[in-house]
C-alpha atoms as a PDB file:
ATOM      1  CA  MET A   1     122.080  84.471   6.821  1.00  0.00           C
ATOM      2  CA  LEU A   2     120.529  82.707   9.512  1.00  0.00           C
ATOM      3  CA  SER A   3     122.262  82.030  13.000  1.00  0.00           C
ATOM      4  CA  ARG A   4     122.287  78.238  14.359  1.00  0.00           C
ATOM      5  CA  THR A   5     119.544  79.791  16.787  1.00  0.00           C
ATOM      6  CA  GLU A   6     117.226  80.846  14.211  1.00  0.00           C
ATOM      7  CA  LEU A   7     117.869  78.044  12.286  1.00  0.00           C
ATOM      8  CA  GLU A   8     116.720  75.653  15.042  1.00  0.00           C
ATOM      9  CA  GLY A   9     113.548  77.925  15.815  1.00  0.00           C
ATOM     10  CA  GLN A  10     112.481  77.705  12.415  1.00  0.00           C
ATOM     11  CA  SER A  11     112.898  73.937  12.410  1.00  0.00           C
ATOM     12  CA  LEU A  12     110.858  73.529  15.071  1.00  0.00           C
ATOM     13  CA  PHE A  13     108.100  75.949  13.796  1.00  0.00           C
ATOM     14  CA  TYR A  14     107.643  74.361  10.248  1.00  0.00           C
ATOM     15  CA  TYR A  15     107.833  70.960  12.181  1.00  0.00           C
ATOM     16  CA  LEU A  16     104.809  71.924  14.527  1.00  0.00           C
ATOM     17  CA  LYS A  17     103.127  73.872  11.640  1.00  0.00           C
ATOM     18  CA  GLU A  18     103.635  71.448   9.125  1.00  0.00           C
ATOM     19  CA  GLY A  19     104.577  68.113  10.489  1.00  0.00           C
ATOM     20  CA  VAL A  20     102.342  68.232  13.484  1.00  0.00           C
ATOM     21  CA  LEU A  21      99.444  70.381  13.157  1.00  0.00           C
ATOM     22  CA  GLY A  22      98.928  70.511   9.396  1.00  0.00           C
ATOM     23  CA  GLN A  23      98.910  66.479   9.566  1.00  0.00           C
ATOM     24  CA  ASN A  24      96.244  66.586  12.414  1.00  0.00           C
ATOM     25  CA  PHE A  25      93.930  69.709  11.942  1.00  0.00           C
ATOM     26  CA  THR A  26      92.898  70.501   8.557  1.00  0.00           C
ATOM     27  CA  GLU A  27      89.489  71.732   7.226  1.00  0.00           C
ATOM     28  CA  GLU A  28      88.168  70.907   3.615  1.00  0.00           C
ATOM     29  CA  VAL A  29      86.160  73.054   1.668  1.00  0.00           C
ATOM     30  CA  GLN A  30      84.684  72.557  -1.545  1.00  0.00           C
ATOM     31  CA  ASN A  31      82.968  74.770  -4.218  1.00  0.00           C
ATOM     32  CA  GLU A  32      83.219  78.402  -2.914  1.00  0.00           C
ATOM     33  CA  PRO A  33      82.887  80.979  -5.133  1.00  0.00           C
ATOM     34  CA  LEU A  34      85.642  83.620  -6.164  1.00  0.00           C
ATOM     35  CA  ILE A  35      86.149  87.468  -5.990  1.00  0.00           C
ATOM     36  CA  VAL A  36      88.481  89.888  -6.838  1.00  0.00           C
ATOM     37  CA  ASP A  37      90.800  90.864  -4.417  1.00  0.00           C
ATOM     38  CA  THR A  38      90.276  94.344  -3.511  1.00  0.00           C
ATOM     39  CA  ARG A  39      92.815  94.164  -0.083  1.00  0.00           C
ATOM     40  CA  GLU A  40      95.715  96.012   0.038  1.00  0.00           C
ATOM     41  CA  TYR A  41      99.255  94.331   0.832  1.00  0.00           C
ATOM     42  CA  ASN A  42     101.780  97.007   2.188  1.00  0.00           C
ATOM     43  CA  GLY A  43      99.750 100.223   0.616  1.00  0.00           C
ATOM     44  CA  VAL A  44      99.630  98.304  -2.686  1.00  0.00           C
ATOM     45  CA  ARG A  45      96.449  97.224  -4.250  1.00  0.00           C
ATOM     46  CA  PRO A  46      97.587  94.180  -6.695  1.00  0.00           C
ATOM     47  CA  SER A  47      95.731  93.695  -9.816  1.00  0.00           C
ATOM     48  CA  GLY A  48      95.014  89.693 -11.226  1.00  0.00           C
ATOM     49  CA  TYR A  49      94.109  88.069  -7.804  1.00  0.00           C
ATOM     50  CA  LEU A  50      90.885  86.327  -6.754  1.00  0.00           C
ATOM     51  CA  ILE A  51      90.490  85.492  -3.164  1.00  0.00           C
ATOM     52  CA  VAL A  52      87.004  82.975  -1.317  1.00  0.00           C
ATOM     53  CA  ASP A  53      84.271  85.940  -1.288  1.00  0.00           C
ATOM     54  CA  PRO A  54      83.769  86.287   2.598  1.00  0.00           C
ATOM     55  CA  GLU A  55      79.940  86.483   2.200  1.00  0.00           C
ATOM     56  CA  LYS A  56      79.078  83.430   1.049  1.00  0.00           C
ATOM     57  CA  SER A  57      81.911  81.373   2.644  1.00  0.00           C
ATOM     58  CA  VAL A  58      80.904  78.948   5.301  1.00  0.00           C
ATOM     59  CA  TYR A  59      84.354  79.941   7.126  1.00  0.00           C
ATOM     60  CA  GLY A  60      84.454  83.595   6.028  1.00  0.00           C
ATOM     61  CA  LYS A  61      87.969  85.152   6.109  1.00  0.00           C
ATOM     62  CA  LEU A  62      89.289  82.590   8.540  1.00  0.00           C
ATOM     63  CA  ALA A  63      91.480  80.560   6.123  1.00  0.00           C
ATOM     64  CA  SER A  64      93.465  83.693   5.169  1.00  0.00           C
ATOM     65  CA  SER A  65      94.038  84.755   9.015  1.00  0.00           C
ATOM     66  CA  ASN A  66      97.206  85.308  10.572  1.00  0.00           C
ATOM     67  CA  GLY A  67      99.022  82.292  11.069  1.00  0.00           C
ATOM     68  CA  ARG A  68      96.616  79.618   8.907  1.00  0.00           C
ATOM     69  CA  GLY A  69      96.645  79.690   4.993  1.00  0.00           C
ATOM     70  CA  TRP A  70      95.946  76.886   2.337  1.00  0.00           C
ATOM     71  CA  THR A  71      97.973  73.866   3.238  1.00  0.00           C
ATOM     72  CA  SER A  72     101.125  73.344   0.680  1.00  0.00           C
ATOM     73  CA  PHE A  73     101.545  69.918   1.929  1.00  0.00           C
ATOM     74  CA  LYS A  74      99.963  66.633   1.397  1.00  0.00           C
ATOM     75  CA  GLN A  75      98.868  64.802   4.472  1.00  0.00           C
ATOM     76  CA  GLY A  76      99.182  60.985   5.582  1.00  0.00           C
ATOM     77  CA  GLU A  77     102.459  61.007   3.692  1.00  0.00           C
ATOM     78  CA  LEU A  78     103.928  61.718   7.212  1.00  0.00           C
ATOM     79  CA  ASN A  79     105.860  58.925   8.017  1.00  0.00           C
ATOM     80  CA  PRO A  80     110.054  59.088   9.074  1.00  0.00           C
ATOM     81  CA  THR A  81     110.790  55.182   8.320  1.00  0.00           C
ATOM     82  CA  TYR A  82     109.872  55.818   4.675  1.00  0.00           C
ATOM     83  CA  ILE A  83     111.354  58.673   1.788  1.00  0.00           C
ATOM     84  CA  PHE A  84     110.166  59.118  -1.878  1.00  0.00           C
ATOM     85  CA  ASN A  85     112.407  57.869  -4.390  1.00  0.00           C
ATOM     86  CA  GLU A  86     111.576  60.346  -7.775  1.00  0.00           C
ATOM     87  CA  THR A  87     113.720  57.768  -9.697  1.00  0.00           C
ATOM     88  CA  LYS A  88     111.313  54.940  -8.764  1.00  0.00           C
ATOM     89  CA  ASP A  89     108.421  57.179  -8.698  1.00  0.00           C
ATOM     90  CA  GLU A  90     108.028  54.842  -4.954  1.00  0.00           C
ATOM     91  CA  TYR A  91     108.085  55.159  -0.991  1.00  0.00           C
ATOM     92  CA  VAL A  92     111.050  53.415  -0.089  1.00  0.00           C
ATOM     93  CA  PRO A  93     112.325  52.068   3.864  1.00  0.00           C
ATOM     94  CA  THR A  94     115.026  54.819   4.815  1.00  0.00           C
ATOM     95  CA  TYR A  95     117.172  51.677   5.641  1.00  0.00           C
ATOM     96  CA  ASN A  96     120.573  51.335   3.240  1.00  0.00           C
ATOM     97  CA  THR A  97     119.849  54.923   1.935  1.00  0.00           C
ATOM     98  CA  PRO A  98     121.678  58.256   3.623  1.00  0.00           C
ATOM     99  CA  PHE A  99     118.756  58.544   5.079  1.00  0.00           C
ATOM    100  CA  PHE A 100     118.953  55.832   7.675  1.00  0.00           C
ATOM    101  CA  ASN A 101     118.404  57.227  11.503  1.00  0.00           C
ATOM    102  CA  TYR A 102     117.360  60.973  10.492  1.00  0.00           C
ATOM    103  CA  ALA A 103     114.334  62.050  11.565  1.00  0.00           C
ATOM    104  CA  PHE A 104     112.327  63.566   8.618  1.00  0.00           C
ATOM    105  CA  LYS A 105     109.682  65.439  10.487  1.00  0.00           C
ATOM    106  CA  ILE A 106     108.272  67.859   7.896  1.00  0.00           C
ATOM    107  CA  PRO A 107     106.091  66.330   5.236  1.00  0.00           C
ATOM    108  CA  ILE A 108     108.248  65.775   1.539  1.00  0.00           C
ATOM    109  CA  GLU A 109     105.364  65.596  -0.569  1.00  0.00           C
ATOM    110  CA  ARG A 110     103.389  68.496  -1.631  1.00  0.00           C
ATOM    111  CA  GLU A 111      99.447  68.807  -2.092  1.00  0.00           C
ATOM    112  CA  SER A 112      98.707  68.426  -6.064  1.00  0.00           C
ATOM    113  CA  THR A 113      94.931  67.967  -5.358  1.00  0.00           C
ATOM    114  CA  TYR A 114      93.665  69.753  -2.518  1.00  0.00           C
ATOM    115  CA  ILE A 115      92.726  72.962  -4.739  1.00  0.00           C
ATOM    116  CA  LYS A 116      90.432  72.829  -7.489  1.00  0.00           C
ATOM    117  CA  VAL A 117      89.636  75.727  -9.499  1.00  0.00           C
ATOM    118  CA  ARG A 118      86.461  75.495 -12.224  1.00  0.00           C
ATOM    119  CA  ASP A 119      85.610  77.988 -14.684  1.00  0.00           C
ATOM    120  CA  GLN A 120      82.306  80.003 -14.598  1.00  0.00           C
ATOM    121  CA  HIS A 121      81.177  76.741 -16.724  1.00  0.00           C
ATOM    122  CA  GLY A 122      81.981  74.070 -13.972  1.00  0.00           C
ATOM    123  CA  ASN A 123      85.084  72.709 -15.771  1.00  0.00           C
ATOM    124  CA  LEU A 124      88.203  71.887 -13.706  1.00  0.00           C
ATOM    125  CA  MET A 125      90.921  74.338 -14.903  1.00  0.00           C
ATOM    126  CA  ASP A 126      94.541  73.009 -15.165  1.00  0.00           C
ATOM    127  CA  ARG A 127      97.067  74.140 -12.602  1.00  0.00           C
ATOM    128  CA  SER A 128      99.266  75.588 -15.083  1.00  0.00           C
ATOM    129  CA  TRP A 129      96.651  78.377 -15.818  1.00  0.00           C
ATOM    130  CA  TYR A 130      96.293  79.856 -12.312  1.00  0.00           C
ATOM    131  CA  GLN A 131      98.829  80.491  -9.314  1.00  0.00           C
ATOM    132  CA  LEU A 132      98.409  79.836  -6.154  1.00  0.00           C
ATOM    133  CA  ASP A 133      99.251  82.344  -2.938  1.00  0.00           C
ATOM    134  CA  TYR A 134      99.022  79.265   0.412  1.00  0.00           C
ATOM    135  CA  ASN A 135      99.469  81.920   2.728  1.00  0.00           C
ATOM    136  CA  SER A 136      97.041  84.631   1.755  1.00  0.00           C
ATOM    137  CA  CYS A 137      94.460  82.699  -0.031  1.00  0.00           C
ATOM    138  CA  ARG A 138      94.424  83.772  -3.272  1.00  0.00           C
ATOM    139  CA  VAL A 139      94.498  82.581  -7.170  1.00  0.00           C
ATOM    140  CA  ARG A 140      96.702  84.765  -9.410  1.00  0.00           C
ATOM    141  CA  PHE A 141      95.096  84.574 -13.023  1.00  0.00           C
ATOM    142  CA  PRO A 142      95.677  85.615 -15.582  1.00  0.00           C
ATOM    143  CA  ALA A 143      99.396  84.712 -14.253  1.00  0.00           C
ATOM    144  CA  PRO A 144     102.628  83.717 -15.833  1.00  0.00           C
ATOM    145  CA  THR A 145     102.021  80.261 -17.107  1.00  0.00           C
ATOM    146  CA  THR A 146      98.437  80.800 -18.694  1.00  0.00           C
ATOM    147  CA  PRO A 147      97.937  80.225 -22.005  1.00  0.00           C
ATOM    148  CA  THR A 148      96.708  83.185 -24.281  1.00  0.00           C
ATOM    149  CA  GLY A 149      93.902  81.294 -25.518  1.00  0.00           C
ATOM    150  CA  VAL A 150      92.738  80.365 -22.382  1.00  0.00           C
ATOM    151  CA  VAL A 151      92.484  84.018 -21.465  1.00  0.00           C
ATOM    152  CA  LEU A 152      91.650  85.421 -25.001  1.00  0.00           C
ATOM    153  CA  SER A 153      88.411  82.350 -24.694  1.00  0.00           C
ATOM    154  CA  GLY A 154      87.091  84.817 -21.903  1.00  0.00           C
ATOM    155  CA  LEU A 155      87.301  81.845 -19.766  1.00  0.00           C
ATOM    156  CA  ARG A 156      87.765  82.843 -15.263  1.00  0.00           C
ATOM    157  CA  PRO A 157      88.537  81.068 -12.314  1.00  0.00           C
ATOM    158  CA  ALA A 158      84.489  81.164 -10.666  1.00  0.00           C
ATOM    159  CA  THR A 159      85.115  78.848  -7.777  1.00  0.00           C
ATOM    160  CA  ILE A 160      87.497  76.889  -5.978  1.00  0.00           C
ATOM    161  CA  ASP A 161      88.152  73.441  -3.223  1.00  0.00           C
ATOM    162  CA  TYR A 162      90.703  74.025  -1.044  1.00  0.00           C
ATOM    163  CA  ARG A 163      91.806  72.652   2.618  1.00  0.00           C
ATOM    164  CA  PHE A 164      93.168  74.739   5.303  1.00  0.00           C
ATOM    165  CA  HIS A 165      94.904  74.957   8.573  1.00  0.00           C
ATOM    166  CA  ARG A 166      92.376  75.228  11.037  1.00  0.00           C
ATOM    167  CA  VAL A 167      95.093  75.985  14.015  1.00  0.00           C
ATOM    168  CA  SER A 168      96.567  79.385  13.771  1.00  0.00           C
ATOM    169  CA  THR A 169     100.375  78.787  14.270  1.00  0.00           C
ATOM    170  CA  MET A 170     102.212  82.248  15.379  1.00  0.00           C
ATOM    171  CA  ASP A 171     105.998  82.543  15.962  1.00  0.00           C
ATOM    172  CA  GLY A 172     106.047  84.467  18.357  1.00  0.00           C
ATOM    173  CA  TRP A 173     103.341  85.785  20.949  1.00  0.00           C
ATOM    174  CA  PRO A 174      99.779  87.295  19.478  1.00  0.00           C
ATOM    175  CA  THR A 175      99.279  90.600  19.667  1.00  0.00           C
ATOM    176  CA  ASP A 176      96.240  92.309  20.249  1.00  0.00           C
ATOM    177  CA  GLU A 177      96.572  93.751  16.518  1.00  0.00           C
ATOM    178  CA  ILE A 178      96.911  90.187  15.027  1.00  0.00           C
ATOM    179  CA  LEU A 179      94.946  88.365  17.166  1.00  0.00           C
ATOM    180  CA  PRO A 180      92.965  85.588  14.772  1.00  0.00           C
ATOM    181  CA  ASN A 181      90.221  83.357  15.400  1.00  0.00           C
ATOM    182  CA  LEU A 182      91.130  80.717  17.994  1.00  0.00           C
ATOM    183  CA  PRO A 183      92.667  78.169  18.218  1.00  0.00           C
ATOM    184  CA  ILE A 184      95.767  79.709  18.505  1.00  0.00           C
ATOM    185  CA  VAL A 185      99.431  77.856  19.080  1.00  0.00           C
ATOM    186  CA  SER A 186     102.285  80.701  19.695  1.00  0.00           C
ATOM    187  CA  LEU A 187     106.222  79.038  20.002  1.00  0.00           C
ATOM    188  CA  TYR A 188     108.669  81.263  21.384  1.00  0.00           C
ATOM    189  CA  THR A 189     111.982  80.865  22.977  1.00  0.00           C
ATOM    190  CA  GLU A 190     112.563  81.760  26.911  1.00  0.00           C
ATOM    191  CA  THR A 191     116.190  81.057  27.443  1.00  0.00           C
ATOM    192  CA  GLU A 192     119.309  80.053  25.654  1.00  0.00           C
ATOM    193  CA  SER A 193     122.565  78.729  26.734  1.00  0.00           C
ATOM    194  CA  ILE A 194     125.604  77.293  25.254  1.00  0.00           C
ATOM    195  CA  LYS A 195     128.277  74.448  26.784  1.00  0.00           C
ATOM    196  CA  GLY A 196     130.931  72.425  26.351  1.00  0.00           C
ATOM    197  CA  TYR A 197     130.749  68.614  25.542  1.00  0.00           C
ATOM    198  CA  GLN A 198     134.046  66.919  24.782  1.00  0.00           C
ATOM    199  CA  ILE A 199     137.473  67.343  24.748  1.00  0.00           C
ATOM    200  CA  GLY A 200     137.966  70.157  22.136  1.00  0.00           C
ATOM    201  CA  PRO A 201     135.759  72.766  20.330  1.00  0.00           C
ATOM    202  CA  GLY A 202     132.385  70.620  20.811  1.00  0.00           C
ATOM    203  CA  ILE A 203     129.318  73.163  21.895  1.00  0.00           C
ATOM    204  CA  SER A 204     126.330  71.845  22.688  1.00  0.00           C
ATOM    205  CA  PRO A 205     123.531  74.965  22.421  1.00  0.00           C
ATOM    206  CA  ILE A 206     120.831  74.771  24.807  1.00  0.00           C
ATOM    207  CA  GLN A 207     117.259  76.361  24.355  1.00  0.00           C
ATOM    208  CA  LYS A 208     114.078  76.670  26.292  1.00  0.00           C
ATOM    209  CA  TYR A 209     110.814  76.805  24.642  1.00  0.00           C
ATOM    210  CA  VAL A 210     107.198  77.435  25.172  1.00  0.00           C
ATOM    211  CA  VAL A 211     104.127  76.614  23.248  1.00  0.00           C
ATOM    212  CA  ASP A 212     101.067  78.596  24.343  1.00  0.00           C
ATOM    213  CA  ILE A 213      97.886  77.009  23.276  1.00  0.00           C
ATOM    214  CA  PHE A 214      94.692  79.317  23.094  1.00  0.00           C
ATOM    215  CA  ALA A 215      91.309  76.880  22.739  1.00  0.00           C
ATOM    216  CA  THR A 216      88.216  77.523  22.238  1.00  0.00           C
ATOM    217  CA  ASP A 217      87.352  74.891  25.005  1.00  0.00           C
ATOM    218  CA  ASN A 218      88.384  72.589  27.630  1.00  0.00           C
ATOM    219  CA  SER A 219      88.011  69.745  24.918  1.00  0.00           C
ATOM    220  CA  ASN A 220      89.468  71.525  22.028  1.00  0.00           C
ATOM    221  CA  LYS A 221      92.376  72.388  24.455  1.00  0.00           C
ATOM    222  CA  LYS A 222      92.869  69.209  26.036  1.00  0.00           C
ATOM    223  CA  GLN A 223      93.052  67.652  22.106  1.00  0.00           C
ATOM    224  CA  LEU A 224      95.715  70.279  20.809  1.00  0.00           C
ATOM    225  CA  THR A 225      98.045  70.072  24.096  1.00  0.00           C
ATOM    226  CA  ASP A 226      97.845  66.361  24.230  1.00  0.00           C
ATOM    227  CA  ILE A 227      98.807  66.100  20.410  1.00  0.00           C
ATOM    228  CA  ILE A 228     101.888  68.363  20.797  1.00  0.00           C
ATOM    229  CA  LYS A 229     102.710  66.673  24.291  1.00  0.00           C
ATOM    230  CA  GLN A 230     103.451  63.793  22.333  1.00  0.00           C
ATOM    231  CA  SER A 231     105.008  65.436  19.327  1.00  0.00           C
ATOM    232  CA  LEU A 232     107.968  66.473  21.181  1.00  0.00           C
ATOM    233  CA  TYR A 233     108.554  63.389  24.139  1.00  0.00           C
ATOM    234  CA  ASN A 234     111.188  60.920  22.785  1.00  0.00           C
ATOM    235  CA  ARG A 235     111.655  62.954  19.903  1.00  0.00           C
ATOM    236  CA  HIS A 236     114.053  64.503  17.616  1.00  0.00           C
ATOM    237  CA  ILE A 237     113.724  66.309  14.413  1.00  0.00           C
ATOM    238  CA  SER A 238     116.276  67.302  11.679  1.00  0.00           C
ATOM    239  CA  VAL A 239     117.807  70.843  11.487  1.00  0.00           C
ATOM    240  CA  VAL A 240     116.818  72.537   8.146  1.00  0.00           C
ATOM    241  CA  ASP A 241     119.266  74.282   6.492  1.00  0.00           C
ATOM    242  CA  PHE A 242     116.853  77.225   5.268  1.00  0.00           C
ATOM    243  CA  ASN A 243     119.903  79.359   4.368  1.00  0.00           C
ATOM    244  CA  ARG A 244     120.802  77.114   1.468  1.00  0.00           C
ATOM    245  CA  SER A 245     116.792  75.828   0.514  1.00  0.00           C
ATOM    246  CA  GLY A 246     114.773  78.911   1.442  1.00  0.00           C
ATOM    247  CA  TYR A 247     111.286  78.285   3.451  1.00  0.00           C
ATOM    248  CA  PRO A 248     108.791  76.109   2.489  1.00  0.00           C
ATOM    249  CA  LEU A 249     106.733  79.114   0.986  1.00  0.00           C
ATOM    250  CA  THR A 250     108.041  82.163  -0.872  1.00  0.00           C
ATOM    251  CA  PRO A 251     107.632  85.694   0.706  1.00  0.00           C
ATOM    252  CA  TRP A 252     104.723  85.976  -1.729  1.00  0.00           C
ATOM    253  CA  GLY A 253     102.835  82.717  -0.807  1.00  0.00           C
ATOM    254  CA  VAL A 254     103.851  80.197  -3.613  1.00  0.00           C
ATOM    255  CA  ILE A 255     105.535  76.932  -3.271  1.00  0.00           C
ATOM    256  CA  ASN A 256     109.238  77.368  -3.143  1.00  0.00           C
ATOM    257  CA  GLU A 257     110.452  74.465  -5.427  1.00  0.00           C
ATOM    258  CA  ASP A 258     113.649  74.147  -4.189  1.00  0.00           C
ATOM    259  CA  PHE A 259     112.784  73.514  -0.580  1.00  0.00           C
ATOM    260  CA  ILE A 260     112.238  69.729  -1.291  1.00  0.00           C
ATOM    261  CA  GLN A 261     115.338  68.916  -3.777  1.00  0.00           C
ATOM    262  CA  SER A 262     115.993  65.420  -5.767  1.00  0.00           C
ATOM    263  CA  ILE A 263     119.523  64.305  -4.262  1.00  0.00           C
ATOM    264  CA  PRO A 264     121.331  62.086  -6.796  1.00  0.00           C
ATOM    265  CA  TYR A 265     123.223  58.978  -4.502  1.00  0.00           C
ATOM    266  CA  ASN A 266     124.281  55.659  -5.918  1.00  0.00           C
ATOM    267  CA  GLY A 267     122.459  56.145  -8.950  1.00  0.00           C
ATOM    268  CA  ASP A 268     118.814  56.691  -7.180  1.00  0.00           C
ATOM    269  CA  ASN A 269     117.549  60.493  -6.178  1.00  0.00           C
ATOM    270  CA  TYR A 270     116.011  61.314  -3.143  1.00  0.00           C
ATOM    271  CA  ARG A 271     113.431  64.138  -2.434  1.00  0.00           C
ATOM    272  CA  THR A 272     113.936  65.771   0.884  1.00  0.00           C
ATOM    273  CA  TYR A 273     114.722  69.239   2.550  1.00  0.00           C
ATOM    274  CA  LEU A 274     118.656  70.066   3.374  1.00  0.00           C
ATOM    275  CA  THR A 275     119.921  69.693   6.663  1.00  0.00           C
ATOM    276  CA  LEU A 276     123.135  70.535   8.349  1.00  0.00           C
ATOM    277  CA  ASN A 277     125.932  67.904   8.522  1.00  0.00           C
ATOM    278  CA  PRO A 278     125.968  65.230  10.988  1.00  0.00           C
ATOM    279  CA  GLY A 279     129.078  67.842  12.674  1.00  0.00           C
ATOM    280  CA  ASN A 280     127.044  70.819  12.730  1.00  0.00           C
ATOM    281  CA  GLY A 281     124.283  69.633  15.180  1.00  0.00           C
ATOM    282  CA  GLN A 282     121.893  68.482  12.569  1.00  0.00           C
ATOM    283  CA  ILE A 283     119.423  66.275  15.358  1.00  0.00           C
ATOM    284  CA  LEU A 284     116.995  68.987  17.606  1.00  0.00           C
ATOM    285  CA  TYR A 285     116.668  66.908  20.445  1.00  0.00           C
ATOM    286  CA  PHE A 286     113.574  67.515  23.234  1.00  0.00           C
ATOM    287  CA  LEU A 287     113.545  67.027  26.783  1.00  0.00           C
ATOM    288  CA  ASN A 288     112.562  68.096  30.210  1.00  0.00           C
ATOM    289  CA  ILE A 289     108.487  68.356  28.422  1.00  0.00           C
ATOM    290  CA  GLU A 290     106.375  70.095  30.828  1.00  0.00           C
ATOM    291  CA  VAL A 291     102.464  70.367  30.529  1.00  0.00           C
ATOM    292  CA  PHE A 292     100.709  73.186  32.035  1.00  0.00           C
ATOM    293  CA  TYR A 293      96.629  73.823  32.486  1.00  0.00           C
ATOM    294  CA  ASP A 294      95.055  77.183  32.885  1.00  0.00           C
ATOM    295  CA  SER A 295      91.879  77.203  32.783  1.00  0.00           C
ATOM    296  CA  SER A 296      88.659  79.570  34.453  1.00  0.00           C
ATOM    297  CA  PRO A 297      85.272  79.429  35.102  1.00  0.00           C
ATOM    298  CA  ARG A 298      85.364  83.185  35.695  1.00  0.00           C
ATOM    299  CA  SER A 299      83.532  85.658  33.496  1.00  0.00           C
ATOM    300  CA  GLY A 300      84.314  88.352  31.761  1.00  0.00           C
ATOM    301  CA  MET A 301      87.846  86.615  30.995  1.00  0.00           C
ATOM    302  CA  SER A 302      88.925  86.625  27.102  1.00  0.00           C
ATOM    303  CA  ALA A 303      88.060  84.160  25.145  1.00  0.00           C
ATOM    304  CA  SER A 304      91.627  83.932  24.167  1.00  0.00           C
ATOM    305  CA  LEU A 305      92.555  83.139  28.067  1.00  0.00           C
ATOM    306  CA  ARG A 306      89.629  81.063  29.467  1.00  0.00           C
ATOM    307  CA  HIS A 307      90.784  77.605  27.967  1.00  0.00           C
ATOM    308  CA  ARG A 308      94.872  77.965  27.624  1.00  0.00           C
ATOM    309  CA  ALA A 309      97.242  75.302  28.221  1.00  0.00           C
ATOM    310  CA  LYS A 310     101.343  75.939  28.240  1.00  0.00           C
ATOM    311  CA  VAL A 311     103.962  73.114  26.968  1.00  0.00           C
ATOM    312  CA  ARG A 312     107.565  74.179  28.737  1.00  0.00           C
ATOM    313  CA  PHE A 313     110.554  72.273  27.126  1.00  0.00           C
ATOM    314  CA  THR A 314     114.547  72.236  26.457  1.00  0.00           C
ATOM    315  CA  THR A 315     115.701  71.707  22.791  1.00  0.00           C
ATOM    316  CA  GLN A 316     119.391  70.470  22.808  1.00  0.00           C
ATOM    317  CA  SER A 317     121.907  69.715  19.700  1.00  0.00           C
ATOM    318  CA  PHE A 318     125.509  68.842  19.550  1.00  0.00           C
ATOM    319  CA  SER A 319     128.304  70.187  17.178  1.00  0.00           C
ATOM    320  CA  ASP A 320     132.178  69.176  16.665  1.00  0.00           C
ATOM    321  CA  ARG A 321     133.244  72.490  16.362  1.00  0.00           C
ATOM    322  CA  ASP A 322     133.795  76.069  17.729  1.00  0.00           C
ATOM    323  CA  PRO A 323     130.722  78.350  18.272  1.00  0.00           C
ATOM    324  CA  GLU A 324     132.857  80.908  15.565  1.00  0.00           C
ATOM    325  CA  LEU A 325     133.109  78.033  12.791  1.00  0.00           C
ATOM    326  CA  VAL A 326     129.305  76.745  13.074  1.00  0.00           C
ATOM    327  CA  GLY A 327     128.136  76.809   9.411  1.00  0.00           C
ATOM    328  CA  LYS A 328     131.377  78.263   8.186  1.00  0.00           C
ATOM    329  CA  PHE A 329     134.669  76.683   6.656  1.00  0.00           C
ATOM    330  CA  SER A 330     136.464  74.510   9.160  1.00  0.00           C
ATOM    331  CA  GLY A 331     139.212  72.247   7.295  1.00  0.00           C
ATOM    332  CA  LEU A 332     136.593  70.314   5.719  1.00  0.00           C
ATOM    333  CA  LYS A 333     136.407  71.884   2.641  1.00  0.00           C
ATOM    334  CA  GLU A 334     132.331  73.008   4.000  1.00  0.00           C
ATOM    335  CA  PRO A 335     130.786  75.242   2.292  1.00  0.00           C
ATOM    336  CA  VAL A 336     128.925  77.942   3.906  1.00  0.00           C
ATOM    337  CA  GLY A 337     125.772  76.721   5.500  1.00  0.00           C
ATOM    338  CA  GLY A 338     127.026  73.200   6.022  1.00  0.00           C
ATOM    339  CA  PHE A 339     127.018  70.136   3.934  1.00  0.00           C
ATOM    340  CA  ASP A 340     123.827  67.619   3.759  1.00  0.00           C
ATOM    341  CA  SER A 341     123.638  64.422   5.380  1.00  0.00           C
ATOM    342  CA  LEU A 342     123.963  62.549   1.776  1.00  0.00           C
ATOM    343  CA  ILE A 343     127.540  63.424   1.324  1.00  0.00           C
ATOM    344  CA  ARG A 344     129.042  62.764   4.697  1.00  0.00           C
ATOM    345  CA  LYS A 345     131.122  60.211   2.766  1.00  0.00           C
ATOM    346  CA  ALA A 346     132.778  63.321   0.607  1.00  0.00           C
ATOM    347  CA  TYR A 347     134.709  64.710   3.684  1.00  0.00           C
ATOM    348  CA  THR A 348     138.260  65.060   2.768  1.00  0.00           C
ATOM    349  CA  ALA A 349     140.445  66.318   5.693  1.00  0.00           C
END
């Protein structure tokens, strides 16, 4: 089980990766050849996977480098005032719904057209015929859902269109052993504290974070820094309950179908991810944002340090219970992990 500190940190990480950088910095690539994957994963060389041929790819191995991967969320749907109504198959305003005044910043619609796989004859293959590993940029074929007739026919994936994260987003400081190509954005915690804020058991967890930006040039650095600064200034995000929903992708890189769930409310269904309940401090506020630029014209300096910037800020949330009871039973008949905001009205003493 993730602690409250970890839930906040992971919510912030996915907000930056998918909600900010994923909506602003992606690269689209078309018609690249696929070859058999011969890489080893934890000492094992799995069979039945294909990857983009790095010798013929425009970007080589960049898409599958650490902190990148194929984009699994749709771009252009990031709008905190609308949410997808599954019953009516349309986006509706959040007012008069249980999501009113809530900040849903991670996208809620998955990509369905960014990745296109074609067979050796140039024909588009159905999505059910293969499986996608978004983290490692692999196509599994045949997959458990591949029809027997397709395998027997001799059809095989030959080329692929895809879209990938142009910026490597890392949870922690990048080390020399896993240093990917620039640009890199790394997030890490600097300090942590807790203080009381009301008469009773209320607590307010406070954390200080740093986002380091390693860019290719001054223009690239400025653009990244400005977008990250704007995504924090006067903003807040929901604290996602990853303990109940899991992460957006499974450990083996496929889409986690439980992350975006269909929630019934007043006869309608709304698709979203699960958050902590209102009394459990489900809103994470951004405060005290500072930007530091550190560029140097000196020769002989590492490329990763030449065009570097830093964004330092504080997060704060509010919980109405004792620290030992956060996320646990508290007399409200609350399941471990907290209620979702949707059933706030169902609280019973």
